[in-house]
């Protein structure tokens, strides 16, 4: 029921980024997509 805010700081050739995404991997599970956002345009996507 609580909340957290994760941050991801990018450095280097960030001008070439199209999309930033968040993935997660639970113990014994495969990595799964969580959410994404385009670097310009703010188009977002989420898993259900």
ModelCIF file with pLDDT and N, C-alpha, C, O atoms, coordinates in Angstrom:
data_MODEL
#
_entry.id   MODEL 
#
_entity.id                         1 
_entity.type                       polymer 
_entity.pdbx_number_of_molecules   1 
#
_entity_poly.entity_id                      1 
_entity_poly.type                           'polypeptide(L)' 
_entity_poly.nstd_linkage                   no 
_entity_poly.nstd_monomer                   no 
_entity_poly.pdbx_seq_one_letter_code       
;(UNK)(UNK)(UNK)(UNK)(UNK)(UNK)(UNK)(UNK)(UNK)(UNK)(UNK)(UNK)(UNK)(UNK)(UNK)(UNK)
(UNK)(UNK)(UNK)(UNK)(UNK)(UNK)(UNK)(UNK)(UNK)(UNK)(UNK)(UNK)(UNK)(UNK)(UNK)(UNK)
(UNK)(UNK)(UNK)(UNK)(UNK)(UNK)(UNK)(UNK)(UNK)(UNK)(UNK)(UNK)(UNK)(UNK)(UNK)(UNK)
;
_entity_poly.pdbx_seq_one_letter_code_can   XXXXXXXXXXXXXXXXXXXXXXXXXXXXXXXXXXXXXXXXXXXXXXXX 
_entity_poly.pdbx_strand_id                 A 
#
loop_
_entity_poly_seq.entity_id 
_entity_poly_seq.num 
_entity_poly_seq.mon_id 
_entity_poly_seq.hetero 
1 1  UNK n 
1 2  UNK n 
1 3  UNK n 
1 4  UNK n 
1 5  UNK n 
1 6  UNK n 
1 7  UNK n 
1 8  UNK n 
1 9  UNK n 
1 10 UNK n 
1 11 UNK n 
1 12 UNK n 
1 13 UNK n 
1 14 UNK n 
1 15 UNK n 
1 16 UNK n 
1 17 UNK n 
1 18 UNK n 
1 19 UNK n 
1 20 UNK n 
1 21 UNK n 
1 22 UNK n 
1 23 UNK n 
1 24 UNK n 
1 25 UNK n 
1 26 UNK n 
1 27 UNK n 
1 28 UNK n 
1 29 UNK n 
1 30 UNK n 
1 31 UNK n 
1 32 UNK n 
1 33 UNK n 
1 34 UNK n 
1 35 UNK n 
1 36 UNK n 
1 37 UNK n 
1 38 UNK n 
1 39 UNK n 
1 40 UNK n 
1 41 UNK n 
1 42 UNK n 
1 43 UNK n 
1 44 UNK n 
1 45 UNK n 
1 46 UNK n 
1 47 UNK n 
1 48 UNK n 
#
_struct_asym.id          A 
_struct_asym.entity_id   1 
#
loop_
_ma_qa_metric.id 
_ma_qa_metric.mode 
_ma_qa_metric.name 
_ma_qa_metric.software_group_id 
_ma_qa_metric.type 
1 global pLDDT . pLDDT 
2 local  pLDDT . pLDDT 
#
_ma_qa_metric_global.metric_id      1 
_ma_qa_metric_global.metric_value   94.75 
_ma_qa_metric_global.model_id       1 
_ma_qa_metric_global.ordinal_id     1 
#
loop_
_ma_qa_metric_local.label_asym_id 
_ma_qa_metric_local.label_comp_id 
_ma_qa_metric_local.label_seq_id 
_ma_qa_metric_local.metric_id 
_ma_qa_metric_local.metric_value 
_ma_qa_metric_local.model_id 
_ma_qa_metric_local.ordinal_id 
A UNK 1  2 98.00 1 1  
A UNK 2  2 98.00 1 2  
A UNK 3  2 98.00 1 3  
A UNK 4  2 98.00 1 4  
A UNK 5  2 98.00 1 5  
A UNK 6  2 98.00 1 6  
A UNK 7  2 98.00 1 7  
A UNK 8  2 97.00 1 8  
A UNK 9  2 97.00 1 9  
A UNK 10 2 96.00 1 10 
A UNK 11 2 95.00 1 11 
A UNK 12 2 94.00 1 12 
A UNK 13 2 89.00 1 13 
A UNK 14 2 90.00 1 14 
A UNK 15 2 87.00 1 15 
A UNK 16 2 90.00 1 16 
A UNK 17 2 92.00 1 17 
A UNK 18 2 92.00 1 18 
A UNK 19 2 95.00 1 19 
A UNK 20 2 96.00 1 20 
A UNK 21 2 96.00 1 21 
A UNK 22 2 97.00 1 22 
A UNK 23 2 98.00 1 23 
A UNK 24 2 98.00 1 24 
A UNK 25 2 97.00 1 25 
A UNK 26 2 97.00 1 26 
A UNK 27 2 91.00 1 27 
A UNK 28 2 94.00 1 28 
A UNK 29 2 95.00 1 29 
A UNK 30 2 96.00 1 30 
A UNK 31 2 95.00 1 31 
A UNK 32 2 96.00 1 32 
A UNK 33 2 96.00 1 33 
A UNK 34 2 98.00 1 34 
A UNK 35 2 98.00 1 35 
A UNK 36 2 97.00 1 36 
A UNK 37 2 97.00 1 37 
A UNK 38 2 94.00 1 38 
A UNK 39 2 86.00 1 39 
A UNK 40 2 84.00 1 40 
A UNK 41 2 85.00 1 41 
A UNK 42 2 87.00 1 42 
A UNK 43 2 95.00 1 43 
A UNK 44 2 97.00 1 44 
A UNK 45 2 96.00 1 45 
A UNK 46 2 98.00 1 46 
A UNK 47 2 97.00 1 47 
A UNK 48 2 97.00 1 48 
#
loop_
_atom_site.group_PDB 
_atom_site.id 
_atom_site.type_symbol 
_atom_site.label_atom_id 
_atom_site.label_alt_id 
_atom_site.label_comp_id 
_atom_site.label_asym_id 
_atom_site.label_entity_id 
_atom_site.label_seq_id 
_atom_site.pdbx_PDB_ins_code 
_atom_site.Cartn_x 
_atom_site.Cartn_y 
_atom_site.Cartn_z 
_atom_site.occupancy 
_atom_site.B_iso_or_equiv 
_atom_site.pdbx_formal_charge 
_atom_site.auth_seq_id 
_atom_site.auth_comp_id 
_atom_site.auth_asym_id 
_atom_site.auth_atom_id 
_atom_site.pdbx_PDB_model_num 
ATOM 1   N N  . UNK A 1 1  ? 0.791  -1.213  0.000   1.00 98.00 ? 1  UNK A N  1 
ATOM 2   C CA . UNK A 1 1  ? 0.000  0.000   0.000   1.00 98.00 ? 1  UNK A CA 1 
ATOM 3   C C  . UNK A 1 1  ? 0.824  1.264   0.000   1.00 98.00 ? 1  UNK A C  1 
ATOM 4   O O  . UNK A 1 1  ? 0.294  2.355   -0.211  1.00 98.00 ? 1  UNK A O  1 
ATOM 5   N N  . UNK A 1 2  ? 2.109  1.132   0.232   1.00 98.00 ? 2  UNK A N  1 
ATOM 6   C CA . UNK A 1 2  ? 2.992  2.280   0.251   1.00 98.00 ? 2  UNK A CA 1 
ATOM 7   C C  . UNK A 1 2  ? 3.445  2.686   -1.131  1.00 98.00 ? 2  UNK A C  1 
ATOM 8   O O  . UNK A 1 2  ? 3.030  2.106   -2.134  1.00 98.00 ? 2  UNK A O  1 
ATOM 9   N N  . UNK A 1 3  ? 4.300  3.689   -1.172  1.00 98.00 ? 3  UNK A N  1 
ATOM 10  C CA . UNK A 1 3  ? 4.773  4.241   -2.437  1.00 98.00 ? 3  UNK A CA 1 
ATOM 11  C C  . UNK A 1 3  ? 6.281  4.405   -2.435  1.00 98.00 ? 3  UNK A C  1 
ATOM 12  O O  . UNK A 1 3  ? 6.900  4.604   -1.389  1.00 98.00 ? 3  UNK A O  1 
ATOM 13  N N  . UNK A 1 4  ? 6.854  4.320   -3.609  1.00 98.00 ? 4  UNK A N  1 
ATOM 14  C CA . UNK A 1 4  ? 8.259  4.593   -3.835  1.00 98.00 ? 4  UNK A CA 1 
ATOM 15  C C  . UNK A 1 4  ? 8.402  5.284   -5.178  1.00 98.00 ? 4  UNK A C  1 
ATOM 16  O O  . UNK A 1 4  ? 7.583  5.089   -6.076  1.00 98.00 ? 4  UNK A O  1 
ATOM 17  N N  . UNK A 1 5  ? 9.436  6.085   -5.311  1.00 98.00 ? 5  UNK A N  1 
ATOM 18  C CA . UNK A 1 5  ? 9.757  6.678   -6.594  1.00 98.00 ? 5  UNK A CA 1 
ATOM 19  C C  . UNK A 1 5  ? 11.167 6.299   -6.982  1.00 98.00 ? 5  UNK A C  1 
ATOM 20  O O  . UNK A 1 5  ? 12.127 6.637   -6.289  1.00 98.00 ? 5  UNK A O  1 
ATOM 21  N N  . UNK A 1 6  ? 11.286 5.598   -8.086  1.00 98.00 ? 6  UNK A N  1 
ATOM 22  C CA . UNK A 1 6  ? 12.577 5.220   -8.615  1.00 98.00 ? 6  UNK A CA 1 
ATOM 23  C C  . UNK A 1 6  ? 13.077 6.289   -9.572  1.00 98.00 ? 6  UNK A C  1 
ATOM 24  O O  . UNK A 1 6  ? 12.296 6.906   -10.295 1.00 98.00 ? 6  UNK A O  1 
ATOM 25  N N  . UNK A 1 7  ? 14.372 6.499   -9.568  1.00 98.00 ? 7  UNK A N  1 
ATOM 26  C CA . UNK A 1 7  ? 14.991 7.454   -10.467 1.00 98.00 ? 7  UNK A CA 1 
ATOM 27  C C  . UNK A 1 7  ? 16.049 6.755   -11.302 1.00 98.00 ? 7  UNK A C  1 
ATOM 28  O O  . UNK A 1 7  ? 16.696 5.813   -10.846 1.00 98.00 ? 7  UNK A O  1 
ATOM 29  N N  . UNK A 1 8  ? 16.215 7.222   -12.512 1.00 97.00 ? 8  UNK A N  1 
ATOM 30  C CA . UNK A 1 8  ? 17.245 6.705   -13.403 1.00 97.00 ? 8  UNK A CA 1 
ATOM 31  C C  . UNK A 1 8  ? 17.907 7.886   -14.086 1.00 97.00 ? 8  UNK A C  1 
ATOM 32  O O  . UNK A 1 8  ? 17.291 8.573   -14.900 1.00 97.00 ? 8  UNK A O  1 
ATOM 33  N N  . UNK A 1 9  ? 19.157 8.113   -13.750 1.00 97.00 ? 9  UNK A N  1 
ATOM 34  C CA . UNK A 1 9  ? 19.904 9.208   -14.356 1.00 97.00 ? 9  UNK A CA 1 
ATOM 35  C C  . UNK A 1 9  ? 20.736 8.682   -15.515 1.00 97.00 ? 9  UNK A C  1 
ATOM 36  O O  . UNK A 1 9  ? 21.512 7.739   -15.360 1.00 97.00 ? 9  UNK A O  1 
ATOM 37  N N  . UNK A 1 10 ? 20.569 9.297   -16.665 1.00 96.00 ? 10 UNK A N  1 
ATOM 38  C CA . UNK A 1 10 ? 21.297 8.904   -17.861 1.00 96.00 ? 10 UNK A CA 1 
ATOM 39  C C  . UNK A 1 10 ? 22.427 9.886   -18.133 1.00 96.00 ? 10 UNK A C  1 
ATOM 40  O O  . UNK A 1 10 ? 22.282 11.091  -17.926 1.00 96.00 ? 10 UNK A O  1 
ATOM 41  N N  . UNK A 1 11 ? 23.533 9.366   -18.591 1.00 95.00 ? 11 UNK A N  1 
ATOM 42  C CA . UNK A 1 11 ? 24.660 10.204  -18.964 1.00 95.00 ? 11 UNK A CA 1 
ATOM 43  C C  . UNK A 1 11 ? 25.298 9.638   -20.224 1.00 95.00 ? 11 UNK A C  1 
ATOM 44  O O  . UNK A 1 11 ? 25.013 8.509   -20.624 1.00 95.00 ? 11 UNK A O  1 
ATOM 45  N N  . UNK A 1 12 ? 26.156 10.427  -20.838 1.00 94.00 ? 12 UNK A N  1 
ATOM 46  C CA . UNK A 1 12 ? 26.779 10.012  -22.080 1.00 94.00 ? 12 UNK A CA 1 
ATOM 47  C C  . UNK A 1 12 ? 26.030 10.563  -23.279 1.00 94.00 ? 12 UNK A C  1 
ATOM 48  O O  . UNK A 1 12 ? 25.629 11.727  -23.288 1.00 94.00 ? 12 UNK A O  1 
ATOM 49  N N  . UNK A 1 13 ? 25.842 9.731   -24.286 1.00 89.00 ? 13 UNK A N  1 
ATOM 50  C CA . UNK A 1 13 ? 25.210 10.162  -25.535 1.00 89.00 ? 13 UNK A CA 1 
ATOM 51  C C  . UNK A 1 13 ? 23.692 10.091  -25.437 1.00 89.00 ? 13 UNK A C  1 
ATOM 52  O O  . UNK A 1 13 ? 23.048 9.333   -26.163 1.00 89.00 ? 13 UNK A O  1 
ATOM 53  N N  . UNK A 1 14 ? 23.135 10.876  -24.545 1.00 90.00 ? 14 UNK A N  1 
ATOM 54  C CA . UNK A 1 14 ? 21.695 10.848  -24.320 1.00 90.00 ? 14 UNK A CA 1 
ATOM 55  C C  . UNK A 1 14 ? 20.900 11.426  -25.484 1.00 90.00 ? 14 UNK A C  1 
ATOM 56  O O  . UNK A 1 14 ? 19.698 11.181  -25.588 1.00 90.00 ? 14 UNK A O  1 
ATOM 57  N N  . UNK A 1 15 ? 21.545 12.187  -26.356 1.00 87.00 ? 15 UNK A N  1 
ATOM 58  C CA . UNK A 1 15 ? 20.855 12.773  -27.500 1.00 87.00 ? 15 UNK A CA 1 
ATOM 59  C C  . UNK A 1 15 ? 20.348 11.715  -28.468 1.00 87.00 ? 15 UNK A C  1 
ATOM 60  O O  . UNK A 1 15 ? 19.466 11.987  -29.281 1.00 87.00 ? 15 UNK A O  1 
ATOM 61  N N  . UNK A 1 16 ? 20.897 10.520  -28.385 1.00 90.00 ? 16 UNK A N  1 
ATOM 62  C CA . UNK A 1 16 ? 20.496 9.443   -29.274 1.00 90.00 ? 16 UNK A CA 1 
ATOM 63  C C  . UNK A 1 16 ? 19.410 8.539   -28.729 1.00 90.00 ? 16 UNK A C  1 
ATOM 64  O O  . UNK A 1 16 ? 19.038 7.566   -29.384 1.00 90.00 ? 16 UNK A O  1 
ATOM 65  N N  . UNK A 1 17 ? 18.892 8.836   -27.547 1.00 92.00 ? 17 UNK A N  1 
ATOM 66  C CA . UNK A 1 17 ? 17.886 7.988   -26.919 1.00 92.00 ? 17 UNK A CA 1 
ATOM 67  C C  . UNK A 1 17 ? 16.514 8.224   -27.527 1.00 92.00 ? 17 UNK A C  1 
ATOM 68  O O  . UNK A 1 17 ? 16.092 9.366   -27.705 1.00 92.00 ? 17 UNK A O  1 
ATOM 69  N N  . UNK A 1 18 ? 15.828 7.149   -27.839 1.00 92.00 ? 18 UNK A N  1 
ATOM 70  C CA . UNK A 1 18 ? 14.465 7.207   -28.337 1.00 92.00 ? 18 UNK A CA 1 
ATOM 71  C C  . UNK A 1 18 ? 13.450 6.929   -27.240 1.00 92.00 ? 18 UNK A C  1 
ATOM 72  O O  . UNK A 1 18 ? 12.449 7.634   -27.112 1.00 92.00 ? 18 UNK A O  1 
ATOM 73  N N  . UNK A 1 19 ? 13.716 5.897   -26.452 1.00 95.00 ? 19 UNK A N  1 
ATOM 74  C CA . UNK A 1 19 ? 12.779 5.471   -25.426 1.00 95.00 ? 19 UNK A CA 1 
ATOM 75  C C  . UNK A 1 19 ? 13.522 5.042   -24.171 1.00 95.00 ? 19 UNK A C  1 
ATOM 76  O O  . UNK A 1 19 ? 14.569 4.399   -24.247 1.00 95.00 ? 19 UNK A O  1 
ATOM 77  N N  . UNK A 1 20 ? 12.976 5.401   -23.018 1.00 96.00 ? 20 UNK A N  1 
ATOM 78  C CA . UNK A 1 20 ? 13.473 4.914   -21.746 1.00 96.00 ? 20 UNK A CA 1 
ATOM 79  C C  . UNK A 1 20 ? 12.451 3.950   -21.175 1.00 96.00 ? 20 UNK A C  1 
ATOM 80  O O  . UNK A 1 20 ? 11.247 4.194   -21.247 1.00 96.00 ? 20 UNK A O  1 
ATOM 81  N N  . UNK A 1 21 ? 12.925 2.877   -20.617 1.00 96.00 ? 21 UNK A N  1 
ATOM 82  C CA . UNK A 1 21 ? 12.017 1.878   -20.086 1.00 96.00 ? 21 UNK A CA 1 
ATOM 83  C C  . UNK A 1 21 ? 12.418 1.399   -18.711 1.00 96.00 ? 21 UNK A C  1 
ATOM 84  O O  . UNK A 1 21 ? 13.578 1.499   -18.311 1.00 96.00 ? 21 UNK A O  1 
ATOM 85  N N  . UNK A 1 22 ? 11.447 0.879   -17.996 1.00 97.00 ? 22 UNK A N  1 
ATOM 86  C CA . UNK A 1 22 ? 11.674 0.219   -16.721 1.00 97.00 ? 22 UNK A CA 1 
ATOM 87  C C  . UNK A 1 22 ? 11.291 -1.250  -16.854 1.00 97.00 ? 22 UNK A C  1 
ATOM 88  O O  . UNK A 1 22 ? 10.224 -1.579  -17.373 1.00 97.00 ? 22 UNK A O  1 
ATOM 89  N N  . UNK A 1 23 ? 12.158 -2.116  -16.386 1.00 98.00 ? 23 UNK A N  1 
ATOM 90  C CA . UNK A 1 23 ? 11.924 -3.547  -16.354 1.00 98.00 ? 23 UNK A CA 1 
ATOM 91  C C  . UNK A 1 23 ? 12.113 -4.032  -14.925 1.00 98.00 ? 23 UNK A C  1 
ATOM 92  O O  . UNK A 1 23 ? 12.695 -3.329  -14.098 1.00 98.00 ? 23 UNK A O  1 
ATOM 93  N N  . UNK A 1 24 ? 11.628 -5.216  -14.638 1.00 98.00 ? 24 UNK A N  1 
ATOM 94  C CA . UNK A 1 24 ? 11.840 -5.785  -13.319 1.00 98.00 ? 24 UNK A CA 1 
ATOM 95  C C  . UNK A 1 24 ? 12.037 -7.284  -13.421 1.00 98.00 ? 24 UNK A C  1 
ATOM 96  O O  . UNK A 1 24 ? 11.560 -7.932  -14.353 1.00 98.00 ? 24 UNK A O  1 
ATOM 97  N N  . UNK A 1 25 ? 12.746 -7.815  -12.451 1.00 97.00 ? 25 UNK A N  1 
ATOM 98  C CA . UNK A 1 25 ? 13.004 -9.240  -12.409 1.00 97.00 ? 25 UNK A CA 1 
ATOM 99  C C  . UNK A 1 25 ? 12.872 -9.728  -10.976 1.00 97.00 ? 25 UNK A C  1 
ATOM 100 O O  . UNK A 1 25 ? 13.643 -9.337  -10.100 1.00 97.00 ? 25 UNK A O  1 
ATOM 101 N N  . UNK A 1 26 ? 11.893 -10.583 -10.750 1.00 97.00 ? 26 UNK A N  1 
ATOM 102 C CA . UNK A 1 26 ? 11.680 -11.185 -9.449  1.00 97.00 ? 26 UNK A CA 1 
ATOM 103 C C  . UNK A 1 26 ? 12.528 -12.444 -9.336  1.00 97.00 ? 26 UNK A C  1 
ATOM 104 O O  . UNK A 1 26 ? 12.921 -13.010 -10.356 1.00 97.00 ? 26 UNK A O  1 
ATOM 105 N N  . UNK A 1 27 ? 12.819 -12.894 -8.119  1.00 91.00 ? 27 UNK A N  1 
ATOM 106 C CA . UNK A 1 27 ? 13.620 -14.111 -7.947  1.00 91.00 ? 27 UNK A CA 1 
ATOM 107 C C  . UNK A 1 27 ? 13.015 -15.300 -8.686  1.00 91.00 ? 27 UNK A C  1 
ATOM 108 O O  . UNK A 1 27 ? 11.829 -15.593 -8.541  1.00 91.00 ? 27 UNK A O  1 
ATOM 109 N N  . UNK A 1 28 ? 13.833 -15.975 -9.472  1.00 94.00 ? 28 UNK A N  1 
ATOM 110 C CA . UNK A 1 28 ? 13.383 -17.139 -10.211 1.00 94.00 ? 28 UNK A CA 1 
ATOM 111 C C  . UNK A 1 28 ? 12.508 -16.830 -11.407 1.00 94.00 ? 28 UNK A C  1 
ATOM 112 O O  . UNK A 1 28 ? 11.984 -17.746 -12.041 1.00 94.00 ? 28 UNK A O  1 
ATOM 113 N N  . UNK A 1 29 ? 12.341 -15.566 -11.727 1.00 95.00 ? 29 UNK A N  1 
ATOM 114 C CA . UNK A 1 29 ? 11.490 -15.162 -12.840 1.00 95.00 ? 29 UNK A CA 1 
ATOM 115 C C  . UNK A 1 29 ? 12.319 -14.512 -13.937 1.00 95.00 ? 29 UNK A C  1 
ATOM 116 O O  . UNK A 1 29 ? 13.441 -14.057 -13.712 1.00 95.00 ? 29 UNK A O  1 
ATOM 117 N N  . UNK A 1 30 ? 11.739 -14.480 -15.122 1.00 96.00 ? 30 UNK A N  1 
ATOM 118 C CA . UNK A 1 30 ? 12.366 -13.775 -16.227 1.00 96.00 ? 30 UNK A CA 1 
ATOM 119 C C  . UNK A 1 30 ? 12.117 -12.282 -16.089 1.00 96.00 ? 30 UNK A C  1 
ATOM 120 O O  . UNK A 1 30 ? 11.131 -11.856 -15.488 1.00 96.00 ? 30 UNK A O  1 
ATOM 121 N N  . UNK A 1 31 ? 13.003 -11.511 -16.640 1.00 95.00 ? 31 UNK A N  1 
ATOM 122 C CA . UNK A 1 31 ? 12.837 -10.068 -16.643 1.00 95.00 ? 31 UNK A CA 1 
ATOM 123 C C  . UNK A 1 31 ? 11.605 -9.692  -17.453 1.00 95.00 ? 31 UNK A C  1 
ATOM 124 O O  . UNK A 1 31 ? 11.379 -10.242 -18.531 1.00 95.00 ? 31 UNK A O  1 
ATOM 125 N N  . UNK A 1 32 ? 10.807 -8.758  -16.942 1.00 96.00 ? 32 UNK A N  1 
ATOM 126 C CA . UNK A 1 32 ? 9.610  -8.346  -17.634 1.00 96.00 ? 32 UNK A CA 1 
ATOM 127 C C  . UNK A 1 32 ? 9.551  -6.833  -17.776 1.00 96.00 ? 32 UNK A C  1 
ATOM 128 O O  . UNK A 1 32 ? 10.074 -6.090  -16.945 1.00 96.00 ? 32 UNK A O  1 
ATOM 129 N N  . UNK A 1 33 ? 8.917  -6.403  -18.826 1.00 96.00 ? 33 UNK A N  1 
ATOM 130 C CA . UNK A 1 33 ? 8.704  -4.992  -19.087 1.00 96.00 ? 33 UNK A CA 1 
ATOM 131 C C  . UNK A 1 33 ? 7.697  -4.428  -18.102 1.00 96.00 ? 33 UNK A C  1 
ATOM 132 O O  . UNK A 1 33 ? 6.714  -5.087  -17.764 1.00 96.00 ? 33 UNK A O  1 
ATOM 133 N N  . UNK A 1 34 ? 7.939  -3.209  -17.642 1.00 98.00 ? 34 UNK A N  1 
ATOM 134 C CA . UNK A 1 34 ? 7.029  -2.554  -16.712 1.00 98.00 ? 34 UNK A CA 1 
ATOM 135 C C  . UNK A 1 34 ? 6.407  -1.308  -17.336 1.00 98.00 ? 34 UNK A C  1 
ATOM 136 O O  . UNK A 1 34 ? 5.184  -1.179  -17.384 1.00 98.00 ? 34 UNK A O  1 
ATOM 137 N N  . UNK A 1 35 ? 7.245  -0.395  -17.813 1.00 98.00 ? 35 UNK A N  1 
ATOM 138 C CA . UNK A 1 35 ? 6.752  0.858   -18.364 1.00 98.00 ? 35 UNK A CA 1 
ATOM 139 C C  . UNK A 1 35 ? 7.814  1.478   -19.249 1.00 98.00 ? 35 UNK A C  1 
ATOM 140 O O  . UNK A 1 35 ? 8.995  1.150   -19.135 1.00 98.00 ? 35 UNK A O  1 
ATOM 141 N N  . UNK A 1 36 ? 7.400  2.368   -20.126 1.00 97.00 ? 36 UNK A N  1 
ATOM 142 C CA . UNK A 1 36 ? 8.341  3.076   -20.989 1.00 97.00 ? 36 UNK A CA 1 
ATOM 143 C C  . UNK A 1 36 ? 7.807  4.458   -21.311 1.00 97.00 ? 36 UNK A C  1 
ATOM 144 O O  . UNK A 1 36 ? 6.613  4.730   -21.189 1.00 97.00 ? 36 UNK A O  1 
ATOM 145 N N  . UNK A 1 37 ? 8.716  5.318   -21.725 1.00 97.00 ? 37 UNK A N  1 
ATOM 146 C CA . UNK A 1 37 ? 8.359  6.667   -22.135 1.00 97.00 ? 37 UNK A CA 1 
ATOM 147 C C  . UNK A 1 37 ? 9.340  7.120   -23.197 1.00 97.00 ? 37 UNK A C  1 
ATOM 148 O O  . UNK A 1 37 ? 10.539 6.864   -23.088 1.00 97.00 ? 37 UNK A O  1 
ATOM 149 N N  . UNK A 1 38 ? 8.845  7.789   -24.218 1.00 94.00 ? 38 UNK A N  1 
ATOM 150 C CA . UNK A 1 38 ? 9.740  8.311   -25.244 1.00 94.00 ? 38 UNK A CA 1 
ATOM 151 C C  . UNK A 1 38 ? 10.479 9.521   -24.710 1.00 94.00 ? 38 UNK A C  1 
ATOM 152 O O  . UNK A 1 38 ? 9.943  10.280  -23.903 1.00 94.00 ? 38 UNK A O  1 
ATOM 153 N N  . UNK A 1 39 ? 11.703 9.698   -25.158 1.00 86.00 ? 39 UNK A N  1 
ATOM 154 C CA . UNK A 1 39 ? 12.533 10.791  -24.691 1.00 86.00 ? 39 UNK A CA 1 
ATOM 155 C C  . UNK A 1 39 ? 11.951 12.139  -25.070 1.00 86.00 ? 39 UNK A C  1 
ATOM 156 O O  . UNK A 1 39 ? 12.064 13.106  -24.317 1.00 86.00 ? 39 UNK A O  1 
ATOM 157 N N  . UNK A 1 40 ? 11.334 12.201  -26.228 1.00 84.00 ? 40 UNK A N  1 
ATOM 158 C CA . UNK A 1 40 ? 10.611 13.391  -26.650 1.00 84.00 ? 40 UNK A CA 1 
ATOM 159 C C  . UNK A 1 40 ? 9.229  12.965  -27.119 1.00 84.00 ? 40 UNK A C  1 
ATOM 160 O O  . UNK A 1 40 ? 9.094  12.018  -27.894 1.00 84.00 ? 40 UNK A O  1 
ATOM 161 N N  . UNK A 1 41 ? 8.208  13.662  -26.653 1.00 85.00 ? 41 UNK A N  1 
ATOM 162 C CA . UNK A 1 41 ? 6.849  13.326  -27.031 1.00 85.00 ? 41 UNK A CA 1 
ATOM 163 C C  . UNK A 1 41 ? 6.018  12.753  -25.900 1.00 85.00 ? 41 UNK A C  1 
ATOM 164 O O  . UNK A 1 41 ? 4.789  12.794  -25.956 1.00 85.00 ? 41 UNK A O  1 
ATOM 165 N N  . UNK A 1 42 ? 6.665  12.218  -24.875 1.00 87.00 ? 42 UNK A N  1 
ATOM 166 C CA . UNK A 1 42 ? 5.975  11.712  -23.688 1.00 87.00 ? 42 UNK A CA 1 
ATOM 167 C C  . UNK A 1 42 ? 4.960  10.620  -23.986 1.00 87.00 ? 42 UNK A C  1 
ATOM 168 O O  . UNK A 1 42 ? 3.921  10.542  -23.331 1.00 87.00 ? 42 UNK A O  1 
ATOM 169 N N  . UNK A 1 43 ? 5.249  9.784   -24.960 1.00 95.00 ? 43 UNK A N  1 
ATOM 170 C CA . UNK A 1 43 ? 4.398  8.637   -25.225 1.00 95.00 ? 43 UNK A CA 1 
ATOM 171 C C  . UNK A 1 43 ? 4.754  7.548   -24.226 1.00 95.00 ? 43 UNK A C  1 
ATOM 172 O O  . UNK A 1 43 ? 5.911  7.136   -24.136 1.00 95.00 ? 43 UNK A O  1 
ATOM 173 N N  . UNK A 1 44 ? 3.770  7.084   -23.479 1.00 97.00 ? 44 UNK A N  1 
ATOM 174 C CA . UNK A 1 44 ? 4.009  6.118   -22.417 1.00 97.00 ? 44 UNK A CA 1 
ATOM 175 C C  . UNK A 1 44 ? 3.325  4.796   -22.692 1.00 97.00 ? 44 UNK A C  1 
ATOM 176 O O  . UNK A 1 44 ? 2.377  4.714   -23.472 1.00 97.00 ? 44 UNK A O  1 
ATOM 177 N N  . UNK A 1 45 ? 3.826  3.760   -22.032 1.00 96.00 ? 45 UNK A N  1 
ATOM 178 C CA . UNK A 1 45 ? 3.238  2.434   -22.121 1.00 96.00 ? 45 UNK A CA 1 
ATOM 179 C C  . UNK A 1 45 ? 3.433  1.730   -20.792 1.00 96.00 ? 45 UNK A C  1 
ATOM 180 O O  . UNK A 1 45 ? 4.442  1.939   -20.117 1.00 96.00 ? 45 UNK A O  1 
ATOM 181 N N  . UNK A 1 46 ? 2.464  0.890   -20.407 1.00 98.00 ? 46 UNK A N  1 
ATOM 182 C CA . UNK A 1 46 ? 2.513  0.165   -19.155 1.00 98.00 ? 46 UNK A CA 1 
ATOM 183 C C  . UNK A 1 46 ? 1.989  -1.245  -19.354 1.00 98.00 ? 46 UNK A C  1 
ATOM 184 O O  . UNK A 1 46 ? 1.158  -1.495  -20.228 1.00 98.00 ? 46 UNK A O  1 
ATOM 185 N N  . UNK A 1 47 ? 2.481  -2.158  -18.538 1.00 97.00 ? 47 UNK A N  1 
ATOM 186 C CA . UNK A 1 47 ? 1.852  -3.465  -18.495 1.00 97.00 ? 47 UNK A CA 1 
ATOM 187 C C  . UNK A 1 47 ? 0.582  -3.344  -17.657 1.00 97.00 ? 47 UNK A C  1 
ATOM 188 O O  . UNK A 1 47 ? 0.476  -2.472  -16.795 1.00 97.00 ? 47 UNK A O  1 
ATOM 189 N N  . UNK A 1 48 ? -0.377 -4.227  -17.919 1.00 97.00 ? 48 UNK A N  1 
ATOM 190 C CA . UNK A 1 48 ? -1.679 -4.124  -17.279 1.00 97.00 ? 48 UNK A CA 1 
ATOM 191 C C  . UNK A 1 48 ? -1.599 -4.202  -15.757 1.00 97.00 ? 48 UNK A C  1 
ATOM 192 O O  . UNK A 1 48 ? -2.625 -4.129  -15.080 1.00 97.00 ? 48 UNK A O  1 
#
